[in-house]
N, C-alpha and C. Protein backbone atom coordinates (compact mmCIF):
# COMPACT_ATOMS: atom_id res chain seq x y z
N MET A 1 -111.26 -116.79 -24.88
CA MET A 1 -111.64 -115.97 -26.00
C MET A 1 -113.10 -115.63 -26.01
N SER A 2 -113.44 -114.40 -26.26
CA SER A 2 -114.77 -113.94 -26.24
C SER A 2 -115.52 -114.29 -27.51
N ILE A 3 -116.80 -114.32 -27.48
CA ILE A 3 -117.59 -114.54 -28.71
C ILE A 3 -117.71 -113.28 -29.52
N ASP A 4 -118.11 -113.41 -30.75
CA ASP A 4 -118.30 -112.22 -31.64
C ASP A 4 -119.43 -111.37 -31.05
N PRO A 5 -119.27 -110.05 -30.95
CA PRO A 5 -120.31 -109.19 -30.39
C PRO A 5 -121.63 -109.30 -31.13
N ARG A 6 -121.57 -109.60 -32.40
CA ARG A 6 -122.86 -109.72 -33.21
C ARG A 6 -123.63 -110.96 -32.79
N VAL A 7 -122.92 -112.00 -32.46
CA VAL A 7 -123.57 -113.22 -31.99
C VAL A 7 -124.17 -113.00 -30.60
N ALA A 8 -123.39 -112.32 -29.74
CA ALA A 8 -123.87 -111.95 -28.42
C ALA A 8 -125.11 -111.00 -28.52
N LEU A 9 -125.06 -110.06 -29.41
CA LEU A 9 -126.16 -109.13 -29.59
C LEU A 9 -127.43 -109.85 -30.03
N GLN A 10 -127.30 -110.80 -30.92
CA GLN A 10 -128.47 -111.60 -31.39
C GLN A 10 -128.98 -112.43 -30.28
N ALA A 11 -128.14 -112.95 -29.42
CA ALA A 11 -128.59 -113.75 -28.26
C ALA A 11 -129.34 -112.83 -27.29
N LEU A 12 -128.93 -111.59 -27.17
CA LEU A 12 -129.63 -110.61 -26.30
C LEU A 12 -131.01 -110.28 -26.88
N VAL A 13 -131.08 -110.05 -28.15
CA VAL A 13 -132.35 -109.74 -28.77
C VAL A 13 -133.33 -110.94 -28.67
N THR A 14 -132.79 -112.10 -28.82
CA THR A 14 -133.62 -113.36 -28.63
C THR A 14 -134.11 -113.48 -27.21
N ALA A 15 -133.31 -113.16 -26.25
CA ALA A 15 -133.66 -113.17 -24.79
C ALA A 15 -134.74 -112.21 -24.53
N LEU A 16 -134.68 -111.01 -25.18
CA LEU A 16 -135.69 -109.96 -25.00
C LEU A 16 -136.99 -110.42 -25.61
N GLU A 17 -136.97 -111.08 -26.80
CA GLU A 17 -138.14 -111.46 -27.42
C GLU A 17 -138.80 -112.66 -26.61
N GLU A 18 -138.00 -113.50 -26.01
CA GLU A 18 -138.58 -114.59 -25.18
C GLU A 18 -139.17 -114.06 -23.88
N HIS A 19 -138.56 -113.01 -23.39
CA HIS A 19 -139.17 -112.33 -22.20
C HIS A 19 -140.50 -111.68 -22.55
N LEU A 20 -140.59 -111.03 -23.71
CA LEU A 20 -141.88 -110.50 -24.14
C LEU A 20 -142.96 -111.61 -24.28
N ALA A 21 -142.57 -112.72 -24.89
CA ALA A 21 -143.56 -113.82 -25.09
C ALA A 21 -143.99 -114.37 -23.74
N ALA A 22 -143.03 -114.58 -22.82
CA ALA A 22 -143.39 -115.12 -21.50
C ALA A 22 -144.28 -114.16 -20.78
N SER A 23 -143.96 -112.85 -20.82
CA SER A 23 -144.77 -111.84 -20.14
C SER A 23 -146.22 -111.84 -20.71
N ALA A 24 -146.33 -111.94 -22.02
CA ALA A 24 -147.66 -111.91 -22.65
C ALA A 24 -148.47 -113.06 -22.25
N THR A 25 -147.87 -114.18 -21.84
CA THR A 25 -148.63 -115.44 -21.51
C THR A 25 -148.51 -115.80 -20.00
N ARG A 26 -148.14 -114.76 -19.25
CA ARG A 26 -148.01 -114.94 -17.78
C ARG A 26 -149.22 -115.57 -17.20
N ARG A 27 -149.05 -116.57 -16.33
CA ARG A 27 -150.14 -117.20 -15.63
C ARG A 27 -150.34 -116.84 -14.25
N MET A 28 -149.37 -116.21 -13.62
CA MET A 28 -149.50 -115.77 -12.25
C MET A 28 -148.44 -114.71 -12.00
N ASP A 29 -148.52 -114.01 -10.85
CA ASP A 29 -147.59 -112.88 -10.58
C ASP A 29 -146.13 -113.30 -10.55
N ASP A 30 -145.86 -114.46 -9.99
CA ASP A 30 -144.50 -114.93 -9.96
C ASP A 30 -144.29 -116.15 -10.92
N ASP A 31 -144.69 -115.95 -12.14
CA ASP A 31 -144.61 -116.97 -13.15
C ASP A 31 -143.14 -117.42 -13.37
N PRO A 32 -142.78 -118.70 -13.20
CA PRO A 32 -141.38 -119.12 -13.36
C PRO A 32 -140.88 -118.89 -14.86
N ALA A 33 -141.72 -118.92 -15.83
CA ALA A 33 -141.26 -118.64 -17.20
C ALA A 33 -140.83 -117.25 -17.37
N VAL A 34 -141.51 -116.32 -16.73
CA VAL A 34 -141.15 -114.91 -16.81
C VAL A 34 -139.83 -114.69 -16.02
N GLU A 35 -139.72 -115.30 -14.91
CA GLU A 35 -138.54 -115.20 -14.05
C GLU A 35 -137.34 -115.71 -14.76
N ALA A 36 -137.48 -116.85 -15.46
CA ALA A 36 -136.33 -117.49 -16.21
C ALA A 36 -135.97 -116.59 -17.43
N ALA A 37 -136.99 -116.01 -18.10
CA ALA A 37 -136.69 -115.13 -19.20
C ALA A 37 -135.98 -113.82 -18.71
N TYR A 38 -136.39 -113.35 -17.55
CA TYR A 38 -135.74 -112.17 -16.97
C TYR A 38 -134.29 -112.42 -16.71
N LEU A 39 -134.03 -113.57 -16.12
CA LEU A 39 -132.59 -113.92 -15.81
C LEU A 39 -131.84 -114.13 -17.13
N ALA A 40 -132.50 -114.70 -18.13
CA ALA A 40 -131.78 -114.89 -19.41
C ALA A 40 -131.36 -113.61 -20.07
N ILE A 41 -132.20 -112.57 -19.93
CA ILE A 41 -131.88 -111.22 -20.38
C ILE A 41 -130.55 -110.76 -19.73
N ALA A 42 -130.55 -110.84 -18.39
CA ALA A 42 -129.38 -110.43 -17.62
C ALA A 42 -128.08 -111.18 -18.08
N ASP A 43 -128.21 -112.48 -18.25
CA ASP A 43 -127.07 -113.25 -18.70
C ASP A 43 -126.64 -112.85 -20.15
N ALA A 44 -127.64 -112.75 -20.98
CA ALA A 44 -127.24 -112.42 -22.38
C ALA A 44 -126.66 -110.98 -22.48
N PHE A 45 -127.19 -110.05 -21.66
CA PHE A 45 -126.65 -108.72 -21.66
C PHE A 45 -125.22 -108.74 -21.19
N GLU A 46 -124.88 -109.44 -20.12
CA GLU A 46 -123.52 -109.55 -19.56
C GLU A 46 -122.55 -110.14 -20.67
N ALA A 47 -123.01 -111.12 -21.37
CA ALA A 47 -122.20 -111.75 -22.42
C ALA A 47 -122.01 -110.72 -23.55
N TYR A 48 -123.06 -109.98 -23.94
CA TYR A 48 -122.90 -108.98 -24.97
C TYR A 48 -121.89 -107.86 -24.54
N GLU A 49 -122.09 -107.42 -23.31
CA GLU A 49 -121.19 -106.32 -22.80
C GLU A 49 -119.74 -106.74 -22.80
N GLU A 50 -119.55 -108.01 -22.37
CA GLU A 50 -118.12 -108.51 -22.35
C GLU A 50 -117.58 -108.64 -23.75
N ALA A 51 -118.37 -109.20 -24.65
CA ALA A 51 -117.94 -109.39 -26.05
C ALA A 51 -117.69 -108.03 -26.73
N LEU A 52 -118.49 -107.05 -26.48
CA LEU A 52 -118.34 -105.73 -27.06
C LEU A 52 -117.02 -105.08 -26.51
N TYR A 53 -116.83 -105.20 -25.22
CA TYR A 53 -115.65 -104.61 -24.65
C TYR A 53 -114.38 -105.40 -25.12
N ASP A 54 -114.39 -106.67 -25.22
CA ASP A 54 -113.25 -107.43 -25.69
C ASP A 54 -112.91 -107.10 -27.14
N ALA A 55 -113.89 -106.97 -27.92
CA ALA A 55 -113.67 -106.71 -29.35
C ALA A 55 -113.34 -105.29 -29.71
N HIS A 56 -114.01 -104.36 -28.99
CA HIS A 56 -113.92 -102.91 -29.41
C HIS A 56 -113.54 -101.93 -28.27
N GLY A 57 -113.39 -102.49 -27.02
CA GLY A 57 -113.06 -101.62 -25.89
C GLY A 57 -114.18 -100.62 -25.60
N GLU A 58 -115.38 -101.08 -25.88
CA GLU A 58 -116.63 -100.21 -25.69
C GLU A 58 -117.60 -100.87 -24.79
N VAL A 59 -118.37 -100.06 -24.10
CA VAL A 59 -119.47 -100.52 -23.27
C VAL A 59 -120.76 -99.83 -23.60
N THR A 60 -121.84 -100.35 -23.04
CA THR A 60 -123.15 -99.75 -23.25
C THR A 60 -123.43 -98.78 -22.06
N PRO A 61 -124.44 -97.90 -22.20
CA PRO A 61 -124.79 -97.10 -21.05
C PRO A 61 -125.80 -97.78 -20.16
N LEU A 62 -125.94 -99.10 -20.27
CA LEU A 62 -126.99 -99.83 -19.53
C LEU A 62 -126.32 -100.53 -18.37
N GLU A 63 -127.13 -100.84 -17.37
CA GLU A 63 -126.66 -101.53 -16.19
C GLU A 63 -127.74 -102.54 -15.74
N ILE A 64 -127.26 -103.64 -15.26
CA ILE A 64 -128.16 -104.73 -14.71
C ILE A 64 -128.61 -104.25 -13.33
N TYR A 65 -129.94 -104.19 -13.10
CA TYR A 65 -130.49 -103.88 -11.81
C TYR A 65 -130.58 -105.14 -11.00
N GLU A 66 -129.91 -105.10 -9.85
CA GLU A 66 -130.00 -106.25 -8.95
C GLU A 66 -130.64 -105.83 -7.64
N GLU A 67 -131.77 -106.46 -7.34
CA GLU A 67 -132.51 -106.10 -6.14
C GLU A 67 -131.82 -106.68 -4.92
N SER A 68 -131.58 -105.78 -3.98
CA SER A 68 -131.03 -106.28 -2.72
C SER A 68 -132.12 -106.77 -1.81
N ASP A 69 -131.75 -107.41 -0.69
CA ASP A 69 -132.72 -107.84 0.26
C ASP A 69 -133.41 -106.64 0.83
N GLU A 70 -132.75 -105.53 1.06
CA GLU A 70 -133.30 -104.30 1.58
C GLU A 70 -134.40 -103.78 0.69
N ASP A 71 -134.13 -103.76 -0.64
CA ASP A 71 -135.09 -103.33 -1.69
C ASP A 71 -136.39 -104.20 -1.58
N ALA A 72 -136.20 -105.50 -1.46
CA ALA A 72 -137.38 -106.36 -1.38
C ALA A 72 -138.21 -106.06 -0.11
N ASP A 73 -137.51 -105.84 0.98
CA ASP A 73 -138.24 -105.51 2.18
C ASP A 73 -139.01 -104.20 2.07
N LEU A 74 -138.40 -103.20 1.41
CA LEU A 74 -139.05 -101.89 1.21
C LEU A 74 -140.27 -102.13 0.32
N GLU A 75 -140.17 -102.89 -0.70
CA GLU A 75 -141.33 -103.20 -1.63
C GLU A 75 -142.46 -103.78 -0.80
N ASP A 76 -142.18 -104.76 0.03
CA ASP A 76 -143.22 -105.40 0.82
C ASP A 76 -143.89 -104.40 1.74
N ASP A 77 -143.04 -103.52 2.41
CA ASP A 77 -143.62 -102.45 3.26
C ASP A 77 -144.54 -101.53 2.43
N ASP A 78 -144.04 -101.11 1.27
CA ASP A 78 -144.84 -100.27 0.36
C ASP A 78 -146.20 -100.91 0.04
N LEU A 79 -146.17 -102.20 -0.29
CA LEU A 79 -147.37 -102.90 -0.70
C LEU A 79 -148.34 -102.96 0.51
N ASP A 80 -147.81 -103.19 1.72
CA ASP A 80 -148.62 -103.18 2.87
C ASP A 80 -149.31 -101.83 3.11
N GLU A 81 -148.57 -100.74 2.92
CA GLU A 81 -149.15 -99.38 3.07
C GLU A 81 -150.27 -99.21 2.04
N VAL A 82 -150.04 -99.61 0.82
CA VAL A 82 -151.05 -99.46 -0.22
C VAL A 82 -152.27 -100.22 0.19
N ASP A 83 -152.17 -101.49 0.67
CA ASP A 83 -153.30 -102.28 1.09
C ASP A 83 -154.04 -101.59 2.24
N ASP A 84 -153.30 -101.07 3.25
CA ASP A 84 -153.90 -100.32 4.33
C ASP A 84 -154.68 -99.15 3.86
N ASP A 85 -154.07 -98.36 2.93
CA ASP A 85 -154.78 -97.17 2.39
C ASP A 85 -156.03 -97.58 1.69
N ALA A 86 -156.03 -98.66 0.88
CA ALA A 86 -157.21 -99.08 0.18
C ALA A 86 -158.29 -99.53 1.16
N ASP A 87 -157.88 -100.23 2.21
CA ASP A 87 -158.86 -100.67 3.20
C ASP A 87 -159.50 -99.48 3.90
N ALA A 88 -158.71 -98.46 4.24
CA ALA A 88 -159.22 -97.26 4.88
C ALA A 88 -160.20 -96.52 3.92
N GLU A 89 -159.89 -96.45 2.67
CA GLU A 89 -160.80 -95.79 1.74
C GLU A 89 -162.08 -96.56 1.60
N THR A 90 -162.04 -97.85 1.58
CA THR A 90 -163.20 -98.68 1.52
C THR A 90 -164.04 -98.49 2.75
N ASP A 91 -163.46 -98.40 3.96
CA ASP A 91 -164.18 -98.16 5.13
C ASP A 91 -164.88 -96.78 5.11
N ASP A 92 -164.16 -95.83 4.58
CA ASP A 92 -164.77 -94.46 4.51
C ASP A 92 -165.94 -94.43 3.57
N VAL A 93 -165.85 -95.16 2.45
CA VAL A 93 -166.97 -95.18 1.49
C VAL A 93 -168.14 -95.91 2.12
N ASN A 94 -167.89 -96.98 2.80
CA ASN A 94 -168.95 -97.76 3.43
C ASN A 94 -169.63 -96.95 4.57
N ALA A 95 -168.86 -96.22 5.28
CA ALA A 95 -169.37 -95.40 6.36
C ALA A 95 -170.29 -94.28 5.86
N THR A 96 -169.95 -93.70 4.77
CA THR A 96 -170.80 -92.59 4.15
C THR A 96 -172.07 -93.17 3.59
N ARG A 97 -172.10 -94.41 3.17
CA ARG A 97 -173.31 -95.03 2.59
C ARG A 97 -174.32 -95.44 3.68
N GLU A 98 -173.83 -95.57 4.96
CA GLU A 98 -174.70 -96.09 5.95
C GLU A 98 -175.56 -95.04 6.51
């Protein structure tokens, strides 16, 4: 038996609020509190979507984004390119000053 969609919706709103609070007090790029809050949103959303469908046969237009290993590799490559570009620009600036 599924939970009441209103209860699931409130749990989703609470998860979003906790994510906002964790993001506002982030201590590092990969802060475990932010990561936990991120995952809690995904879990709460899935519970809400299931409860909504079970109760009313309806779904939301939203989808959970799941990063694949390939996406992570591409992000790392993109960051490396940005770092290389920044280094090249710094070298150009330093060369014109000399």
